[in-house]
Amino acid sequence: MPVKEKEEVLLKDIKEDVQSVRDAVVLSDDVSRIDEYNFESLFGIYKNPQQQVVFVRTIYRQLVGEILKFFSSKCVAEAMTNICILEEVFRSQRGYIDIEMSLEDVECINQHAYSLGKKENSGVVREGIRAWNCLKQRKAIRICVMPFPDDERSLMLIEEELEAISKTLDGWEDSRDGNCTN
């Protein structure tokens, strides 16, 4: 199976698994139900590290998008469950792949977590707040102006830009060594 098809099938399966785990957690108000899905199996799905990063960051983006959607539609338990799942996916990668988010998204989740934390909460909400704080303490979230691209063309453009920067820096080092050709 080609890599692109494999990834689409995996992402669809993971999305379905996340939905069923989230439903089970919300219905039972028991975050330990997340353990029914083995997120550890996501570690090293791809031998190529670049493919692994793109794959995992795609999962992160899906989860963050759902968190924001749930908060905007006042589905607090679902949003907090997704935060717990986000933490589990991050831990499954052993902290190697950080979560890229825009500042606006981080602030939105912070505001919801803060306002929920001021109220008397238990179960899923408390665990979601704990998971969010844990992600922040571990510095798992990296604020980005431009989120990580998920298509080959964007990756190639970034690679070309990095090569140009590298060449410029090489030339800059040479000029600092007194080897200026001007």
N, C-alpha and C. Protein backbone atom coordinates (compact mmCIF):
# COMPACT_ATOMS: atom_id res chain seq x y z
N MET A 1 0.85 -1.17 0.00
CA MET A 1 0.00 0.00 0.00
C MET A 1 0.90 1.24 0.00
N PRO A 2 0.65 2.19 -0.92
CA PRO A 2 1.46 3.42 -0.93
C PRO A 2 1.34 4.17 0.39
N VAL A 3 2.39 4.94 0.69
CA VAL A 3 2.47 5.65 1.97
C VAL A 3 1.26 6.57 2.18
N LYS A 4 0.86 7.30 1.14
CA LYS A 4 -0.25 8.25 1.27
C LYS A 4 -1.54 7.51 1.63
N GLU A 5 -1.81 6.39 0.96
CA GLU A 5 -3.01 5.60 1.28
C GLU A 5 -2.93 5.04 2.68
N LYS A 6 -1.74 4.53 3.04
CA LYS A 6 -1.54 3.97 4.38
C LYS A 6 -1.85 5.03 5.43
N GLU A 7 -1.34 6.23 5.20
CA GLU A 7 -1.55 7.32 6.16
C GLU A 7 -3.02 7.69 6.27
N GLU A 8 -3.72 7.75 5.14
CA GLU A 8 -5.15 8.10 5.16
C GLU A 8 -5.95 7.05 5.93
N VAL A 9 -5.64 5.77 5.71
CA VAL A 9 -6.33 4.69 6.41
C VAL A 9 -6.03 4.76 7.90
N LEU A 10 -4.74 4.97 8.24
CA LEU A 10 -4.36 5.07 9.65
C LEU A 10 -5.07 6.24 10.34
N LEU A 11 -5.08 7.39 9.68
CA LEU A 11 -5.71 8.57 10.28
C LEU A 11 -7.21 8.36 10.46
N LYS A 12 -7.84 7.71 9.49
CA LYS A 12 -9.28 7.42 9.61
C LYS A 12 -9.53 6.47 10.78
N ASP A 13 -8.71 5.42 10.88
CA ASP A 13 -8.85 4.47 12.00
C ASP A 13 -8.63 5.15 13.34
N ILE A 14 -7.61 5.99 13.41
CA ILE A 14 -7.30 6.69 14.66
C ILE A 14 -8.43 7.64 15.03
N LYS A 15 -8.97 8.35 14.03
CA LYS A 15 -10.08 9.27 14.29
C LYS A 15 -11.28 8.51 14.85
N GLU A 16 -11.57 7.34 14.28
CA GLU A 16 -12.69 6.52 14.78
C GLU A 16 -12.40 6.02 16.20
N ASP A 17 -11.16 5.60 16.43
CA ASP A 17 -10.78 5.14 17.77
C ASP A 17 -10.90 6.26 18.80
N VAL A 18 -10.42 7.44 18.43
CA VAL A 18 -10.49 8.59 19.33
C VAL A 18 -11.95 8.91 19.65
N GLN A 19 -12.80 8.86 18.63
CA GLN A 19 -14.22 9.15 18.84
C GLN A 19 -14.84 8.13 19.79
N SER A 20 -14.54 6.85 19.59
CA SER A 20 -15.15 5.84 20.47
C SER A 20 -14.60 5.93 21.90
N VAL A 21 -13.30 6.22 22.03
CA VAL A 21 -12.72 6.39 23.37
C VAL A 21 -13.32 7.62 24.04
N ARG A 22 -13.44 8.71 23.28
CA ARG A 22 -14.01 9.94 23.84
C ARG A 22 -15.45 9.70 24.30
N ASP A 23 -16.24 9.01 23.47
CA ASP A 23 -17.62 8.72 23.85
C ASP A 23 -17.68 7.89 25.13
N ALA A 24 -16.80 6.88 25.23
CA ALA A 24 -16.78 6.02 26.42
C ALA A 24 -16.40 6.82 27.67
N VAL A 25 -15.42 7.71 27.52
CA VAL A 25 -14.98 8.53 28.66
C VAL A 25 -16.09 9.48 29.10
N VAL A 26 -16.71 10.16 28.14
CA VAL A 26 -17.75 11.13 28.47
C VAL A 26 -18.95 10.43 29.12
N LEU A 27 -19.35 9.29 28.58
CA LEU A 27 -20.50 8.56 29.14
C LEU A 27 -20.24 8.07 30.56
N SER A 28 -19.02 7.60 30.80
CA SER A 28 -18.71 7.03 32.11
C SER A 28 -18.11 8.04 33.09
N ASP A 29 -17.71 9.22 32.56
CA ASP A 29 -17.00 10.23 33.35
C ASP A 29 -15.77 9.60 34.01
N ASP A 30 -15.09 8.75 33.23
CA ASP A 30 -13.93 8.00 33.73
C ASP A 30 -12.80 8.08 32.71
N VAL A 31 -11.81 8.92 33.00
CA VAL A 31 -10.70 9.14 32.07
C VAL A 31 -9.85 7.89 31.88
N SER A 32 -9.87 6.98 32.82
CA SER A 32 -9.05 5.77 32.69
C SER A 32 -9.49 4.92 31.49
N ARG A 33 -10.66 5.20 30.94
CA ARG A 33 -11.12 4.48 29.75
C ARG A 33 -10.21 4.78 28.55
N ILE A 34 -9.44 5.86 28.61
CA ILE A 34 -8.49 6.18 27.54
C ILE A 34 -7.48 5.05 27.39
N ASP A 35 -7.17 4.38 28.49
CA ASP A 35 -6.19 3.29 28.46
C ASP A 35 -6.64 2.12 27.59
N GLU A 36 -7.92 2.08 27.22
CA GLU A 36 -8.42 1.00 26.36
C GLU A 36 -7.80 1.08 24.97
N TYR A 37 -7.35 2.26 24.57
CA TYR A 37 -6.67 2.41 23.29
C TYR A 37 -5.18 2.53 23.55
N ASN A 38 -4.40 1.75 22.87
CA ASN A 38 -2.95 1.72 23.09
C ASN A 38 -2.27 2.78 22.22
N PHE A 39 -2.16 3.99 22.74
CA PHE A 39 -1.52 5.07 21.98
C PHE A 39 -0.02 4.81 21.79
N GLU A 40 0.57 3.96 22.62
CA GLU A 40 1.98 3.60 22.46
C GLU A 40 2.25 3.00 21.09
N SER A 41 1.23 2.38 20.50
CA SER A 41 1.41 1.75 19.18
C SER A 41 1.67 2.78 18.09
N LEU A 42 1.42 4.06 18.36
CA LEU A 42 1.69 5.11 17.38
C LEU A 42 3.18 5.42 17.26
N PHE A 43 3.95 5.02 18.27
CA PHE A 43 5.38 5.33 18.25
C PHE A 43 6.08 4.48 17.19
N GLY A 44 6.77 5.14 16.28
CA GLY A 44 7.56 4.44 15.28
C GLY A 44 6.75 3.71 14.22
N ILE A 45 5.55 4.20 13.91
CA ILE A 45 4.77 3.59 12.83
C ILE A 45 5.55 3.69 11.53
N TYR A 46 6.24 4.80 11.35
CA TYR A 46 7.06 5.00 10.15
C TYR A 46 8.53 4.88 10.52
N LYS A 47 9.29 4.22 9.66
CA LYS A 47 10.75 4.12 9.86
C LYS A 47 11.40 5.47 9.59
N ASN A 48 10.84 6.20 8.62
CA ASN A 48 11.35 7.51 8.25
C ASN A 48 10.87 8.53 9.29
N PRO A 49 11.81 9.16 10.02
CA PRO A 49 11.41 10.12 11.07
C PRO A 49 10.57 11.29 10.55
N GLN A 50 10.87 11.74 9.34
CA GLN A 50 10.11 12.87 8.78
C GLN A 50 8.64 12.47 8.58
N GLN A 51 8.41 11.27 8.07
CA GLN A 51 7.03 10.80 7.90
C GLN A 51 6.33 10.66 9.25
N GLN A 52 7.07 10.18 10.25
CA GLN A 52 6.50 10.02 11.59
C GLN A 52 6.08 11.37 12.16
N VAL A 53 6.93 12.39 11.98
CA VAL A 53 6.62 13.73 12.49
C VAL A 53 5.37 14.28 11.80
N VAL A 54 5.31 14.17 10.47
CA VAL A 54 4.16 14.69 9.73
C VAL A 54 2.89 13.96 10.17
N PHE A 55 2.98 12.64 10.32
CA PHE A 55 1.84 11.83 10.72
C PHE A 55 1.33 12.23 12.11
N VAL A 56 2.23 12.31 13.08
CA VAL A 56 1.83 12.62 14.46
C VAL A 56 1.32 14.05 14.56
N ARG A 57 1.95 14.98 13.86
CA ARG A 57 1.47 16.36 13.92
C ARG A 57 0.09 16.50 13.27
N THR A 58 -0.20 15.65 12.30
CA THR A 58 -1.54 15.63 11.71
C THR A 58 -2.56 15.19 12.76
N ILE A 59 -2.21 14.18 13.54
CA ILE A 59 -3.08 13.74 14.64
C ILE A 59 -3.26 14.86 15.66
N TYR A 60 -2.15 15.52 16.02
CA TYR A 60 -2.23 16.64 16.96
C TYR A 60 -3.20 17.71 16.44
N ARG A 61 -3.05 18.08 15.15
CA ARG A 61 -3.90 19.12 14.57
C ARG A 61 -5.37 18.72 14.63
N GLN A 62 -5.65 17.45 14.33
CA GLN A 62 -7.04 16.98 14.41
C GLN A 62 -7.59 17.13 15.82
N LEU A 63 -6.79 16.71 16.80
CA LEU A 63 -7.24 16.78 18.20
C LEU A 63 -7.45 18.22 18.65
N VAL A 64 -6.50 19.09 18.32
CA VAL A 64 -6.62 20.51 18.72
C VAL A 64 -7.83 21.14 18.04
N GLY A 65 -8.03 20.84 16.76
CA GLY A 65 -9.21 21.36 16.06
C GLY A 65 -10.51 20.92 16.72
N GLU A 66 -10.55 19.66 17.13
CA GLU A 66 -11.75 19.16 17.81
C GLU A 66 -11.92 19.81 19.18
N ILE A 67 -10.82 20.02 19.89
CA ILE A 67 -10.89 20.68 21.20
C ILE A 67 -11.53 22.05 21.05
N LEU A 68 -11.05 22.83 20.09
CA LEU A 68 -11.57 24.18 19.88
C LEU A 68 -13.03 24.13 19.44
N LYS A 69 -13.36 23.18 18.57
CA LYS A 69 -14.74 23.03 18.10
C LYS A 69 -15.66 22.68 19.27
N PHE A 70 -15.23 21.76 20.12
CA PHE A 70 -16.05 21.37 21.27
C PHE A 70 -16.23 22.54 22.25
N PHE A 71 -15.16 23.29 22.49
CA PHE A 71 -15.29 24.44 23.39
C PHE A 71 -16.27 25.46 22.81
N SER A 72 -16.17 25.72 21.50
CA SER A 72 -17.05 26.73 20.90
C SER A 72 -18.51 26.29 20.91
N SER A 73 -18.76 24.97 20.92
CA SER A 73 -20.14 24.50 20.98
C SER A 73 -20.55 24.07 22.39
N LYS A 74 -19.75 24.50 23.38
CA LYS A 74 -20.05 24.27 24.81
C LYS A 74 -20.08 22.79 25.21
N CYS A 75 -19.35 21.95 24.47
CA CYS A 75 -19.24 20.52 24.81
C CYS A 75 -17.96 20.34 25.64
N VAL A 76 -18.02 20.77 26.89
CA VAL A 76 -16.84 20.83 27.75
C VAL A 76 -16.23 19.45 28.00
N ALA A 77 -17.05 18.48 28.32
CA ALA A 77 -16.52 17.14 28.63
C ALA A 77 -15.77 16.55 27.43
N GLU A 78 -16.30 16.76 26.23
CA GLU A 78 -15.65 16.25 25.03
C GLU A 78 -14.32 16.96 24.80
N ALA A 79 -14.30 18.29 24.99
CA ALA A 79 -13.07 19.05 24.81
C ALA A 79 -12.00 18.61 25.80
N MET A 80 -12.40 18.45 27.05
CA MET A 80 -11.44 18.05 28.09
C MET A 80 -10.94 16.62 27.86
N THR A 81 -11.80 15.76 27.36
CA THR A 81 -11.37 14.40 27.03
C THR A 81 -10.34 14.43 25.92
N ASN A 82 -10.58 15.27 24.91
CA ASN A 82 -9.61 15.39 23.82
C ASN A 82 -8.27 15.93 24.32
N ILE A 83 -8.28 16.80 25.31
CA ILE A 83 -7.02 17.29 25.88
C ILE A 83 -6.29 16.12 26.54
N CYS A 84 -7.02 15.27 27.23
CA CYS A 84 -6.40 14.08 27.84
C CYS A 84 -5.82 13.15 26.77
N ILE A 85 -6.55 13.00 25.67
CA ILE A 85 -6.07 12.15 24.56
C ILE A 85 -4.84 12.79 23.93
N LEU A 86 -4.85 14.12 23.77
CA LEU A 86 -3.69 14.83 23.22
C LEU A 86 -2.45 14.56 24.07
N GLU A 87 -2.63 14.60 25.39
CA GLU A 87 -1.50 14.31 26.27
C GLU A 87 -1.02 12.87 26.08
N GLU A 88 -1.94 11.94 25.93
CA GLU A 88 -1.57 10.53 25.73
C GLU A 88 -0.80 10.34 24.43
N VAL A 89 -1.24 11.00 23.36
CA VAL A 89 -0.54 10.89 22.07
C VAL A 89 0.86 11.49 22.21
N PHE A 90 0.97 12.64 22.89
CA PHE A 90 2.29 13.25 23.11
C PHE A 90 3.20 12.29 23.88
N ARG A 91 2.67 11.71 24.95
CA ARG A 91 3.47 10.77 25.74
C ARG A 91 3.84 9.54 24.93
N SER A 92 2.97 9.11 24.02
CA SER A 92 3.26 7.94 23.19
C SER A 92 4.49 8.18 22.32
N GLN A 93 4.77 9.43 22.01
CA GLN A 93 5.93 9.77 21.18
C GLN A 93 7.17 10.03 22.04
N ARG A 94 7.04 9.75 23.32
CA ARG A 94 8.13 9.89 24.29
C ARG A 94 8.71 11.30 24.32
N GLY A 95 7.84 12.27 24.00
CA GLY A 95 8.25 13.67 24.06
C GLY A 95 9.09 14.14 22.89
N TYR A 96 9.29 13.29 21.88
CA TYR A 96 10.14 13.67 20.75
C TYR A 96 9.46 14.64 19.80
N ILE A 97 8.14 14.55 19.68
CA ILE A 97 7.43 15.37 18.70
C ILE A 97 6.51 16.32 19.45
N ASP A 98 6.87 17.62 19.41
CA ASP A 98 6.08 18.60 20.14
C ASP A 98 4.79 18.93 19.39
N ILE A 99 3.93 19.63 20.08
CA ILE A 99 2.62 20.00 19.55
C ILE A 99 2.70 21.44 19.08
N GLU A 100 2.56 21.66 17.78
CA GLU A 100 2.60 23.01 17.25
C GLU A 100 1.20 23.60 17.27
N MET A 101 1.09 24.79 17.86
CA MET A 101 -0.21 25.46 17.94
C MET A 101 -0.01 26.96 17.74
N SER A 102 -1.06 27.60 17.26
CA SER A 102 -1.01 29.05 17.15
C SER A 102 -1.22 29.65 18.55
N LEU A 103 -0.76 30.85 18.73
CA LEU A 103 -0.92 31.54 20.01
C LEU A 103 -2.40 31.69 20.35
N GLU A 104 -3.22 31.97 19.33
CA GLU A 104 -4.66 32.14 19.56
C GLU A 104 -5.29 30.86 20.10
N ASP A 105 -4.88 29.70 19.55
CA ASP A 105 -5.43 28.43 20.00
C ASP A 105 -5.01 28.12 21.44
N VAL A 106 -3.74 28.39 21.75
CA VAL A 106 -3.24 28.17 23.11
C VAL A 106 -4.01 29.06 24.09
N GLU A 107 -4.18 30.32 23.73
CA GLU A 107 -4.89 31.25 24.61
C GLU A 107 -6.35 30.84 24.80
N CYS A 108 -6.98 30.37 23.74
CA CYS A 108 -8.37 29.93 23.84
C CYS A 108 -8.49 28.77 24.83
N ILE A 109 -7.63 27.78 24.69
CA ILE A 109 -7.67 26.62 25.59
C ILE A 109 -7.31 27.06 27.01
N ASN A 110 -6.30 27.93 27.14
CA ASN A 110 -5.94 28.45 28.47
C ASN A 110 -7.13 29.12 29.16
N GLN A 111 -7.85 29.95 28.42
CA GLN A 111 -8.98 30.67 29.00
C GLN A 111 -10.06 29.70 29.47
N HIS A 112 -10.36 28.71 28.64
CA HIS A 112 -11.38 27.72 29.03
C HIS A 112 -10.92 26.92 30.25
N ALA A 113 -9.66 26.47 30.22
CA ALA A 113 -9.14 25.68 31.34
C ALA A 113 -9.13 26.51 32.62
N TYR A 114 -8.73 27.78 32.51
CA TYR A 114 -8.69 28.65 33.68
C TYR A 114 -10.09 28.86 34.26
N SER A 115 -11.05 29.17 33.39
CA SER A 115 -12.41 29.42 33.89
C SER A 115 -13.02 28.15 34.46
N LEU A 116 -12.73 26.99 33.87
CA LEU A 116 -13.24 25.73 34.42
C LEU A 116 -12.56 25.40 35.74
N GLY A 117 -11.28 25.74 35.85
CA GLY A 117 -10.54 25.45 37.07
C GLY A 117 -11.02 26.26 38.27
N LYS A 118 -11.65 27.40 38.01
CA LYS A 118 -12.16 28.23 39.10
C LYS A 118 -13.46 27.67 39.67
N LYS A 119 -14.10 26.78 38.92
CA LYS A 119 -15.35 26.18 39.39
C LYS A 119 -15.04 24.86 40.07
N GLU A 120 -16.02 24.35 40.77
CA GLU A 120 -15.88 23.02 41.39
C GLU A 120 -16.03 21.97 40.28
N ASN A 121 -14.98 21.23 40.04
CA ASN A 121 -15.02 20.24 38.97
C ASN A 121 -14.51 18.90 39.44
N SER A 122 -14.96 17.90 38.76
CA SER A 122 -14.48 16.56 39.07
C SER A 122 -14.39 15.76 37.78
N GLY A 123 -13.85 14.58 37.85
CA GLY A 123 -13.83 13.66 36.73
C GLY A 123 -13.08 14.17 35.52
N VAL A 124 -13.75 14.13 34.38
CA VAL A 124 -13.13 14.44 33.09
C VAL A 124 -12.60 15.87 33.04
N VAL A 125 -13.35 16.82 33.56
CA VAL A 125 -12.92 18.22 33.51
C VAL A 125 -11.64 18.41 34.31
N ARG A 126 -11.60 17.88 35.51
CA ARG A 126 -10.39 18.00 36.35
C ARG A 126 -9.20 17.34 35.65
N GLU A 127 -9.41 16.17 35.07
CA GLU A 127 -8.32 15.47 34.38
C GLU A 127 -7.87 16.22 33.13
N GLY A 128 -8.80 16.86 32.44
CA GLY A 128 -8.44 17.67 31.27
C GLY A 128 -7.58 18.86 31.66
N ILE A 129 -7.94 19.51 32.77
CA ILE A 129 -7.14 20.64 33.27
C ILE A 129 -5.76 20.14 33.67
N ARG A 130 -5.70 19.00 34.35
CA ARG A 130 -4.42 18.42 34.75
C ARG A 130 -3.57 18.10 33.51
N ALA A 131 -4.18 17.50 32.49
CA ALA A 131 -3.45 17.14 31.27
C ALA A 131 -2.92 18.39 30.56
N TRP A 132 -3.75 19.44 30.47
CA TRP A 132 -3.33 20.68 29.82
C TRP A 132 -2.15 21.31 30.57
N ASN A 133 -2.26 21.38 31.89
CA ASN A 133 -1.16 21.93 32.69
C ASN A 133 0.10 21.08 32.55
N CYS A 134 -0.07 19.79 32.48
CA CYS A 134 1.06 18.88 32.32
C CYS A 134 1.76 19.12 30.97
N LEU A 135 0.97 19.29 29.91
CA LEU A 135 1.56 19.57 28.59
C LEU A 135 2.34 20.88 28.62
N LYS A 136 1.81 21.89 29.31
CA LYS A 136 2.52 23.17 29.40
C LYS A 136 3.80 23.03 30.22
N GLN A 137 3.74 22.29 31.34
CA GLN A 137 4.92 22.12 32.18
C GLN A 137 6.02 21.36 31.45
N ARG A 138 5.64 20.40 30.65
CA ARG A 138 6.63 19.61 29.89
C ARG A 138 7.14 20.35 28.66
N LYS A 139 6.62 21.55 28.44
CA LYS A 139 6.96 22.33 27.27
C LYS A 139 6.67 21.54 25.99
N ALA A 140 5.55 20.84 26.01
CA ALA A 140 5.14 20.01 24.88
C ALA A 140 4.53 20.85 23.76
N ILE A 141 4.12 22.07 24.10
CA ILE A 141 3.44 22.92 23.13
C ILE A 141 4.41 23.98 22.64
N ARG A 142 4.54 24.04 21.32
CA ARG A 142 5.38 25.07 20.71
C ARG A 142 4.48 26.00 19.93
N ILE A 143 4.55 27.27 20.26
CA ILE A 143 3.71 28.26 19.58
C ILE A 143 4.37 28.62 18.26
N CYS A 144 3.59 28.52 17.20
CA CYS A 144 4.11 28.75 15.85
C CYS A 144 3.31 29.84 15.15
N VAL A 145 4.02 30.63 14.38
CA VAL A 145 3.35 31.59 13.51
C VAL A 145 2.78 30.82 12.33
N MET A 146 3.58 29.89 11.81
CA MET A 146 3.14 29.06 10.70
C MET A 146 3.14 27.61 11.16
N PRO A 147 1.97 26.99 11.26
CA PRO A 147 1.95 25.59 11.70
C PRO A 147 2.72 24.68 10.75
N PHE A 148 3.14 23.54 11.25
CA PHE A 148 3.92 22.59 10.48
C PHE A 148 3.12 22.14 9.25
N PRO A 149 3.73 22.24 8.06
CA PRO A 149 3.01 21.85 6.84
C PRO A 149 2.84 20.34 6.75
N ASP A 150 1.78 19.93 6.09
CA ASP A 150 1.56 18.50 5.95
C ASP A 150 1.62 18.04 4.50
N ASP A 151 2.04 18.92 3.60
CA ASP A 151 2.16 18.47 2.22
C ASP A 151 3.61 18.57 1.75
N GLU A 152 3.93 17.76 0.77
CA GLU A 152 5.31 17.66 0.27
C GLU A 152 5.81 18.99 -0.29
N ARG A 153 4.95 19.71 -1.02
CA ARG A 153 5.37 20.96 -1.66
C ARG A 153 5.82 21.98 -0.62
N SER A 154 5.06 22.12 0.45
CA SER A 154 5.42 23.07 1.50
C SER A 154 6.72 22.66 2.18
N LEU A 155 6.88 21.36 2.40
CA LEU A 155 8.13 20.88 3.01
C LEU A 155 9.32 21.19 2.11
N MET A 156 9.15 21.03 0.80
CA MET A 156 10.24 21.31 -0.14
C MET A 156 10.59 22.79 -0.12
N LEU A 157 9.59 23.67 -0.06
CA LEU A 157 9.84 25.11 -0.02
C LEU A 157 10.61 25.48 1.25
N ILE A 158 10.22 24.89 2.36
CA ILE A 158 10.91 25.17 3.62
C ILE A 158 12.35 24.66 3.54
N GLU A 159 12.54 23.49 2.97
CA GLU A 159 13.88 22.92 2.83
C GLU A 159 14.76 23.82 1.97
N GLU A 160 14.21 24.33 0.85
CA GLU A 160 14.96 25.24 -0.02
C GLU A 160 15.32 26.52 0.72
N GLU A 161 14.38 27.04 1.50
CA GLU A 161 14.64 28.26 2.26
C GLU A 161 15.73 28.03 3.30
N LEU A 162 15.69 26.88 3.97
CA LEU A 162 16.73 26.56 4.96
C LEU A 162 18.10 26.42 4.30
N GLU A 163 18.14 25.83 3.10
CA GLU A 163 19.41 25.72 2.37
C GLU A 163 19.95 27.11 2.03
N ALA A 164 19.06 28.01 1.58
CA ALA A 164 19.49 29.37 1.25
C ALA A 164 20.02 30.09 2.49
N ILE A 165 19.34 29.91 3.60
CA ILE A 165 19.80 30.52 4.86
C ILE A 165 21.16 29.95 5.25
N SER A 166 21.31 28.64 5.10
CA SER A 166 22.57 27.99 5.44
C SER A 166 23.72 28.53 4.58
N LYS A 167 23.47 28.70 3.28
CA LYS A 167 24.50 29.24 2.38
C LYS A 167 24.86 30.68 2.78
N THR A 168 23.85 31.45 3.13
CA THR A 168 24.09 32.82 3.56
C THR A 168 24.94 32.84 4.83
N LEU A 169 24.60 31.97 5.77
CA LEU A 169 25.37 31.91 7.01
C LEU A 169 26.79 31.44 6.76
N ASP A 170 26.98 30.50 5.83
CA ASP A 170 28.33 30.05 5.48
C ASP A 170 29.14 31.21 4.93
N GLY A 171 28.52 32.01 4.05
CA GLY A 171 29.19 33.18 3.50
C GLY A 171 29.48 34.22 4.57
N TRP A 172 28.59 34.35 5.53
CA TRP A 172 28.77 35.31 6.61
C TRP A 172 29.95 34.90 7.48
N GLU A 173 30.07 33.61 7.78
CA GLU A 173 31.20 33.11 8.58
C GLU A 173 32.51 33.37 7.85
N ASP A 174 32.53 33.11 6.52
CA ASP A 174 33.75 33.35 5.75
C ASP A 174 34.15 34.82 5.81
N SER A 175 33.17 35.73 5.72
CA SER A 175 33.49 37.15 5.74
C SER A 175 33.97 37.58 7.13
N ARG A 176 33.54 36.94 8.17
CA ARG A 176 33.99 37.27 9.52
C ARG A 176 35.42 36.77 9.75
N ASP A 177 35.83 35.77 8.98
CA ASP A 177 37.18 35.24 9.12
C ASP A 177 38.20 36.09 8.35
N GLY A 178 37.75 37.17 7.75
CA GLY A 178 38.65 38.04 7.01
C GLY A 178 38.84 37.61 5.57
N ASN A 179 38.08 36.68 5.09
CA ASN A 179 38.19 36.19 3.72
C ASN A 179 37.17 36.85 2.81
N CYS A 180 36.87 38.10 3.05
CA CYS A 180 35.87 38.80 2.27
C CYS A 180 36.36 38.99 0.85
N THR A 181 35.52 38.66 -0.13
CA THR A 181 35.92 38.74 -1.53
C THR A 181 35.50 40.04 -2.18
N ASN A 182 34.87 40.94 -1.44
CA ASN A 182 34.40 42.20 -2.02
C ASN A 182 35.51 43.19 -2.11
